Amino acid sequence: MRDLMLPLDDRGFAYGDGLFETVLVRDGQALLWEAHLARLAEGCARLGLPPPPRWRLDPLPLVCAGGL
């Protein structure tokens, strides 16, 4: 953990900025997933935050891990 570094201009650390989306999962499917991604991108833009990489937003591992 000593090697972990956080940029001094990280808004989440400095100001507590953050953004989340709640996603309904039914029968193992994240419903309206593309709409969630669009809102997440818009929210990030409004807050001046970089959007997370698309591969980090894949709901399948979360759905499988949660047994939903």
PDB file of N, CA and C in Angstrom:
ATOM      1  N   MET A   1       0.818  -1.196   0.000  1.00  0.00           N
ATOM      2  CA  MET A   1       0.000   0.000   0.000  1.00  0.00           C
ATOM      3  C   MET A   1       0.865   1.265   0.000  1.00  0.00           C
ATOM      4  N   ARG A   2       2.103   1.168   0.366  1.00  0.00           N
ATOM      5  CA  ARG A   2       2.968   2.344   0.380  1.00  0.00           C
ATOM      6  C   ARG A   2       3.159   2.943  -1.005  1.00  0.00           C
ATOM      7  N   ASP A   3       3.051   2.126  -2.037  1.00  0.00           N
ATOM      8  CA  ASP A   3       3.296   2.595  -3.398  1.00  0.00           C
ATOM      9  C   ASP A   3       2.072   3.243  -4.042  1.00  0.00           C
ATOM     10  N   LEU A   4       0.934   3.196  -3.371  1.00  0.00           N
ATOM     11  CA  LEU A   4      -0.268   3.809  -3.936  1.00  0.00           C
ATOM     12  C   LEU A   4      -0.134   5.323  -3.910  1.00  0.00           C
ATOM     13  N   MET A   5      -0.539   5.935  -5.007  1.00  0.00           N
ATOM     14  CA  MET A   5      -0.453   7.393  -5.102  1.00  0.00           C
ATOM     15  C   MET A   5      -1.775   7.949  -5.603  1.00  0.00           C
ATOM     16  N   LEU A   6      -2.115   9.112  -5.129  1.00  0.00           N
ATOM     17  CA  LEU A   6      -3.329   9.791  -5.546  1.00  0.00           C
ATOM     18  C   LEU A   6      -2.938  11.168  -6.077  1.00  0.00           C
ATOM     19  N   PRO A   7      -3.350  11.501  -7.297  1.00  0.00           N
ATOM     20  CA  PRO A   7      -2.998  12.821  -7.836  1.00  0.00           C
ATOM     21  C   PRO A   7      -3.544  13.942  -6.947  1.00  0.00           C
ATOM     22  N   LEU A   8      -2.793  15.001  -6.798  1.00  0.00           N
ATOM     23  CA  LEU A   8      -3.218  16.121  -5.969  1.00  0.00           C
ATOM     24  C   LEU A   8      -4.464  16.806  -6.508  1.00  0.00           C
ATOM     25  N   ASP A   9      -4.714  16.676  -7.809  1.00  0.00           N
ATOM     26  CA  ASP A   9      -5.885  17.317  -8.396  1.00  0.00           C
ATOM     27  C   ASP A   9      -7.084  16.377  -8.503  1.00  0.00           C
ATOM     28  N   ASP A  10      -7.094  15.278  -7.758  1.00  0.00           N
ATOM     29  CA  ASP A  10      -8.213  14.332  -7.770  1.00  0.00           C
ATOM     30  C   ASP A  10      -9.403  14.974  -7.050  1.00  0.00           C
ATOM     31  N   ARG A  11     -10.444  15.316  -7.805  1.00  0.00           N
ATOM     32  CA  ARG A  11     -11.603  16.009  -7.227  1.00  0.00           C
ATOM     33  C   ARG A  11     -12.349  15.154  -6.213  1.00  0.00           C
ATOM     34  N   GLY A  12     -12.408  13.854  -6.460  1.00  0.00           N
ATOM     35  CA  GLY A  12     -13.086  12.980  -5.514  1.00  0.00           C
ATOM     36  C   GLY A  12     -12.439  13.014  -4.147  1.00  0.00           C
ATOM     37  N   PHE A  13     -11.140  13.054  -4.115  1.00  0.00           N
ATOM     38  CA  PHE A  13     -10.402  13.119  -2.857  1.00  0.00           C
ATOM     39  C   PHE A  13     -10.483  14.516  -2.246  1.00  0.00           C
ATOM     40  N   ALA A  14     -10.275  15.533  -3.064  1.00  0.00           N
ATOM     41  CA  ALA A  14     -10.220  16.900  -2.562  1.00  0.00           C
ATOM     42  C   ALA A  14     -11.583  17.434  -2.122  1.00  0.00           C
ATOM     43  N   TYR A  15     -12.634  17.112  -2.875  1.00  0.00           N
ATOM     44  CA  TYR A  15     -13.940  17.710  -2.618  1.00  0.00           C
ATOM     45  C   TYR A  15     -15.049  16.700  -2.339  1.00  0.00           C
ATOM     46  N   GLY A  16     -14.750  15.442  -2.450  1.00  0.00           N
ATOM     47  CA  GLY A  16     -15.767  14.422  -2.221  1.00  0.00           C
ATOM     48  C   GLY A  16     -16.728  14.258  -3.386  1.00  0.00           C
ATOM     49  N   ASP A  17     -16.364  14.776  -4.570  1.00  0.00           N
ATOM     50  CA  ASP A  17     -17.222  14.611  -5.743  1.00  0.00           C
ATOM     51  C   ASP A  17     -17.378  13.134  -6.065  1.00  0.00           C
ATOM     52  N   GLY A  18     -18.545  12.766  -6.464  1.00  0.00           N
ATOM     53  CA  GLY A  18     -18.789  11.390  -6.877  1.00  0.00           C
ATOM     54  C   GLY A  18     -20.126  11.292  -7.587  1.00  0.00           C
ATOM     55  N   LEU A  19     -20.352  10.159  -8.185  1.00  0.00           N
ATOM     56  CA  LEU A  19     -21.566   9.948  -8.961  1.00  0.00           C
ATOM     57  C   LEU A  19     -21.890   8.463  -8.940  1.00  0.00           C
ATOM     58  N   PHE A  20     -23.160   8.129  -8.811  1.00  0.00           N
ATOM     59  CA  PHE A  20     -23.540   6.726  -8.863  1.00  0.00           C
ATOM     60  C   PHE A  20     -24.853   6.577  -9.608  1.00  0.00           C
ATOM     61  N   GLU A  21     -25.086   5.388 -10.068  1.00  0.00           N
ATOM     62  CA  GLU A  21     -26.334   5.014 -10.730  1.00  0.00           C
ATOM     63  C   GLU A  21     -26.847   3.756 -10.050  1.00  0.00           C
ATOM     64  N   THR A  22     -28.132   3.676  -9.854  1.00  0.00           N
ATOM     65  CA  THR A  22     -28.756   2.465  -9.347  1.00  0.00           C
ATOM     66  C   THR A  22     -29.350   1.729 -10.542  1.00  0.00           C
ATOM     67  N   VAL A  23     -29.076   0.436 -10.622  1.00  0.00           N
ATOM     68  CA  VAL A  23     -29.485  -0.353 -11.782  1.00  0.00           C
ATOM     69  C   VAL A  23     -30.389  -1.493 -11.325  1.00  0.00           C
ATOM     70  N   LEU A  24     -31.544  -1.602 -11.942  1.00  0.00           N
ATOM     71  CA  LEU A  24     -32.444  -2.713 -11.660  1.00  0.00           C
ATOM     72  C   LEU A  24     -31.986  -3.936 -12.445  1.00  0.00           C
ATOM     73  N   VAL A  25     -31.836  -5.045 -11.734  1.00  0.00           N
ATOM     74  CA  VAL A  25     -31.456  -6.309 -12.372  1.00  0.00           C
ATOM     75  C   VAL A  25     -32.618  -7.272 -12.210  1.00  0.00           C
ATOM     76  N   ARG A  26     -33.044  -7.830 -13.328  1.00  0.00           N
ATOM     77  CA  ARG A  26     -34.138  -8.800 -13.302  1.00  0.00           C
ATOM     78  C   ARG A  26     -33.732  -9.994 -14.151  1.00  0.00           C
ATOM     79  N   ASP A  27     -33.854 -11.172 -13.583  1.00  0.00           N
ATOM     80  CA  ASP A  27     -33.509 -12.415 -14.285  1.00  0.00           C
ATOM     81  C   ASP A  27     -32.096 -12.366 -14.860  1.00  0.00           C
ATOM     82  N   GLY A  28     -31.171 -11.793 -14.086  1.00  0.00           N
ATOM     83  CA  GLY A  28     -29.774 -11.757 -14.508  1.00  0.00           C
ATOM     84  C   GLY A  28     -29.447 -10.707 -15.549  1.00  0.00           C
ATOM     85  N   GLN A  29     -30.396  -9.816 -15.857  1.00  0.00           N
ATOM     86  CA  GLN A  29     -30.169  -8.773 -16.861  1.00  0.00           C
ATOM     87  C   GLN A  29     -30.268  -7.394 -16.215  1.00  0.00           C
ATOM     88  N   ALA A  30     -29.272  -6.560 -16.477  1.00  0.00           N
ATOM     89  CA  ALA A  30     -29.323  -5.169 -16.027  1.00  0.00           C
ATOM     90  C   ALA A  30     -30.254  -4.422 -16.980  1.00  0.00           C
ATOM     91  N   LEU A  31     -31.389  -3.975 -16.473  1.00  0.00           N
ATOM     92  CA  LEU A  31     -32.400  -3.337 -17.317  1.00  0.00           C
ATOM     93  C   LEU A  31     -31.995  -1.908 -17.683  1.00  0.00           C
ATOM     94  N   LEU A  32     -32.303  -1.521 -18.894  1.00  0.00           N
ATOM     95  CA  LEU A  32     -32.046  -0.174 -19.410  1.00  0.00           C
ATOM     96  C   LEU A  32     -30.584   0.225 -19.234  1.00  0.00           C
ATOM     97  N   TRP A  33     -29.685  -0.729 -19.464  1.00  0.00           N
ATOM     98  CA  TRP A  33     -28.259  -0.520 -19.225  1.00  0.00           C
ATOM     99  C   TRP A  33     -27.687   0.645 -20.028  1.00  0.00           C
ATOM    100  N   GLU A  34     -28.018   0.744 -21.302  1.00  0.00           N
ATOM    101  CA  GLU A  34     -27.477   1.824 -22.131  1.00  0.00           C
ATOM    102  C   GLU A  34     -27.937   3.191 -21.628  1.00  0.00           C
ATOM    103  N   ALA A  35     -29.164   3.277 -21.139  1.00  0.00           N
ATOM    104  CA  ALA A  35     -29.652   4.543 -20.582  1.00  0.00           C
ATOM    105  C   ALA A  35     -28.872   4.910 -19.322  1.00  0.00           C
ATOM    106  N   HIS A  36     -28.548   3.925 -18.505  1.00  0.00           N
ATOM    107  CA  HIS A  36     -27.732   4.173 -17.312  1.00  0.00           C
ATOM    108  C   HIS A  36     -26.355   4.702 -17.700  1.00  0.00           C
ATOM    109  N   LEU A  37     -25.752   4.084 -18.711  1.00  0.00           N
ATOM    110  CA  LEU A  37     -24.430   4.528 -19.159  1.00  0.00           C
ATOM    111  C   LEU A  37     -24.480   5.957 -19.678  1.00  0.00           C
ATOM    112  N   ALA A  38     -25.543   6.295 -20.400  1.00  0.00           N
ATOM    113  CA  ALA A  38     -25.680   7.655 -20.930  1.00  0.00           C
ATOM    114  C   ALA A  38     -25.813   8.665 -19.793  1.00  0.00           C
ATOM    115  N   ARG A  39     -26.620   8.344 -18.765  1.00  0.00           N
ATOM    116  CA  ARG A  39     -26.766   9.249 -17.623  1.00  0.00           C
ATOM    117  C   ARG A  39     -25.461   9.375 -16.848  1.00  0.00           C
ATOM    118  N   LEU A  40     -24.747   8.268 -16.707  1.00  0.00           N
ATOM    119  CA  LEU A  40     -23.461   8.298 -16.012  1.00  0.00           C
ATOM    120  C   LEU A  40     -22.481   9.206 -16.752  1.00  0.00           C
ATOM    121  N   ALA A  41     -22.415   9.087 -18.061  1.00  0.00           N
ATOM    122  CA  ALA A  41     -21.521   9.928 -18.859  1.00  0.00           C
ATOM    123  C   ALA A  41     -21.909  11.400 -18.738  1.00  0.00           C
ATOM    124  N   GLU A  42     -23.206  11.690 -18.789  1.00  0.00           N
ATOM    125  CA  GLU A  42     -23.662  13.076 -18.672  1.00  0.00           C
ATOM    126  C   GLU A  42     -23.341  13.640 -17.289  1.00  0.00           C
ATOM    127  N   GLY A  43     -23.575  12.839 -16.258  1.00  0.00           N
ATOM    128  CA  GLY A  43     -23.269  13.284 -14.901  1.00  0.00           C
ATOM    129  C   GLY A  43     -21.789  13.549 -14.708  1.00  0.00           C
ATOM    130  N   CYS A  44     -20.953  12.688 -15.240  1.00  0.00           N
ATOM    131  CA  CYS A  44     -19.499  12.894 -15.154  1.00  0.00           C
ATOM    132  C   CYS A  44     -19.108  14.189 -15.851  1.00  0.00           C
ATOM    133  N   ALA A  45     -19.678  14.429 -17.015  1.00  0.00           N
ATOM    134  CA  ALA A  45     -19.363  15.650 -17.761  1.00  0.00           C
ATOM    135  C   ALA A  45     -19.776  16.890 -16.974  1.00  0.00           C
ATOM    136  N   ARG A  46     -20.945  16.853 -16.364  1.00  0.00           N
ATOM    137  CA  ARG A  46     -21.421  18.009 -15.590  1.00  0.00           C
ATOM    138  C   ARG A  46     -20.539  18.285 -14.375  1.00  0.00           C
ATOM    139  N   LEU A  47     -20.014  17.220 -13.772  1.00  0.00           N
ATOM    140  CA  LEU A  47     -19.153  17.379 -12.598  1.00  0.00           C
ATOM    141  C   LEU A  47     -17.690  17.606 -12.961  1.00  0.00           C
ATOM    142  N   GLY A  48     -17.376  17.495 -14.242  1.00  0.00           N
ATOM    143  CA  GLY A  48     -15.987  17.645 -14.661  1.00  0.00           C
ATOM    144  C   GLY A  48     -15.134  16.445 -14.305  1.00  0.00           C
ATOM    145  N   LEU A  49     -15.778  15.287 -14.180  1.00  0.00           N
ATOM    146  CA  LEU A  49     -15.071  14.049 -13.858  1.00  0.00           C
ATOM    147  C   LEU A  49     -14.864  13.236 -15.128  1.00  0.00           C
ATOM    148  N   PRO A  50     -13.753  12.547 -15.238  1.00  0.00           N
ATOM    149  CA  PRO A  50     -13.586  11.668 -16.399  1.00  0.00           C
ATOM    150  C   PRO A  50     -14.492  10.451 -16.243  1.00  0.00           C
ATOM    151  N   PRO A  51     -15.143  10.026 -17.312  1.00  0.00           N
ATOM    152  CA  PRO A  51     -15.977   8.825 -17.200  1.00  0.00           C
ATOM    153  C   PRO A  51     -15.100   7.597 -16.995  1.00  0.00           C
ATOM    154  N   PRO A  52     -15.616   6.609 -16.254  1.00  0.00           N
ATOM    155  CA  PRO A  52     -14.839   5.380 -16.077  1.00  0.00           C
ATOM    156  C   PRO A  52     -14.705   4.638 -17.402  1.00  0.00           C
ATOM    157  N   PRO A  53     -13.644   3.864 -17.567  1.00  0.00           N
ATOM    158  CA  PRO A  53     -13.500   3.071 -18.797  1.00  0.00           C
ATOM    159  C   PRO A  53     -14.692   2.129 -18.960  1.00  0.00           C
ATOM    160  N   ARG A  54     -15.110   1.926 -20.188  1.00  0.00           N
ATOM    161  CA  ARG A  54     -16.293   1.093 -20.470  1.00  0.00           C
ATOM    162  C   ARG A  54     -16.154  -0.309 -19.871  1.00  0.00           C
ATOM    163  N   TRP A  55     -14.944  -0.893 -19.898  1.00  0.00           N
ATOM    164  CA  TRP A  55     -14.775  -2.254 -19.391  1.00  0.00           C
ATOM    165  C   TRP A  55     -15.054  -2.332 -17.895  1.00  0.00           C
ATOM    166  N   ARG A  56     -14.931  -1.241 -17.175  1.00  0.00           N
ATOM    167  CA  ARG A  56     -15.211  -1.263 -15.742  1.00  0.00           C
ATOM    168  C   ARG A  56     -16.700  -1.171 -15.458  1.00  0.00           C
ATOM    169  N   LEU A  57     -17.496  -0.915 -16.479  1.00  0.00           N
ATOM    170  CA  LEU A  57     -18.929  -0.749 -16.308  1.00  0.00           C
ATOM    171  C   LEU A  57     -19.723  -1.974 -16.733  1.00  0.00           C
ATOM    172  N   ASP A  58     -19.056  -3.057 -17.042  1.00  0.00           N
ATOM    173  CA  ASP A  58     -19.739  -4.279 -17.463  1.00  0.00           C
ATOM    174  C   ASP A  58     -20.490  -4.866 -16.269  1.00  0.00           C
ATOM    175  N   PRO A  59     -21.826  -4.959 -16.339  1.00  0.00           N
ATOM    176  CA  PRO A  59     -22.590  -5.435 -15.186  1.00  0.00           C
ATOM    177  C   PRO A  59     -22.530  -6.941 -14.971  1.00  0.00           C
ATOM    178  N   LEU A  60     -22.117  -7.709 -15.965  1.00  0.00           N
ATOM    179  CA  LEU A  60     -22.182  -9.159 -15.848  1.00  0.00           C
ATOM    180  C   LEU A  60     -21.426  -9.708 -14.640  1.00  0.00           C
ATOM    181  N   PRO A  61     -20.168  -9.315 -14.393  1.00  0.00           N
ATOM    182  CA  PRO A  61     -19.486  -9.856 -13.208  1.00  0.00           C
ATOM    183  C   PRO A  61     -20.197  -9.514 -11.906  1.00  0.00           C
ATOM    184  N   LEU A  62     -20.770  -8.317 -11.820  1.00  0.00           N
ATOM    185  CA  LEU A  62     -21.480  -7.939 -10.602  1.00  0.00           C
ATOM    186  C   LEU A  62     -22.754  -8.745 -10.429  1.00  0.00           C
ATOM    187  N   VAL A  63     -23.467  -8.930 -11.520  1.00  0.00           N
ATOM    188  CA  VAL A  63     -24.709  -9.702 -11.467  1.00  0.00           C
ATOM    189  C   VAL A  63     -24.401 -11.137 -11.078  1.00  0.00           C
ATOM    190  N   CYS A  64     -23.378 -11.717 -11.673  1.00  0.00           N
ATOM    191  CA  CYS A  64     -23.010 -13.102 -11.372  1.00  0.00           C
ATOM    192  C   CYS A  64     -22.515 -13.243  -9.937  1.00  0.00           C
ATOM    193  N   ALA A  65     -21.711 -12.282  -9.484  1.00  0.00           N
ATOM    194  CA  ALA A  65     -21.166 -12.347  -8.124  1.00  0.00           C
ATOM    195  C   ALA A  65     -22.271 -12.239  -7.088  1.00  0.00           C
ATOM    196  N   GLY A  66     -23.295 -11.460  -7.399  1.00  0.00           N
ATOM    197  CA  GLY A  66     -24.387 -11.281  -6.463  1.00  0.00           C
ATOM    198  C   GLY A  66     -25.456 -12.348  -6.572  1.00  0.00           C
ATOM    199  N   GLY A  67     -25.363 -13.206  -7.554  1.00  0.00           N
ATOM    200  CA  GLY A  67     -26.359 -14.251  -7.732  1.00  0.00           C
ATOM    201  C   GLY A  67     -27.724 -13.705  -8.109  1.00  0.00           C
ATOM    202  N   LEU A  68     -27.758 -12.577  -8.767  1.00  0.00           N
ATOM    203  CA  LEU A  68     -29.039 -11.953  -9.118  1.00  0.00           C
ATOM    204  C   LEU A  68     -29.601 -12.518 -10.396  1.00  0.00           C
TER     205      LEU A  68
END
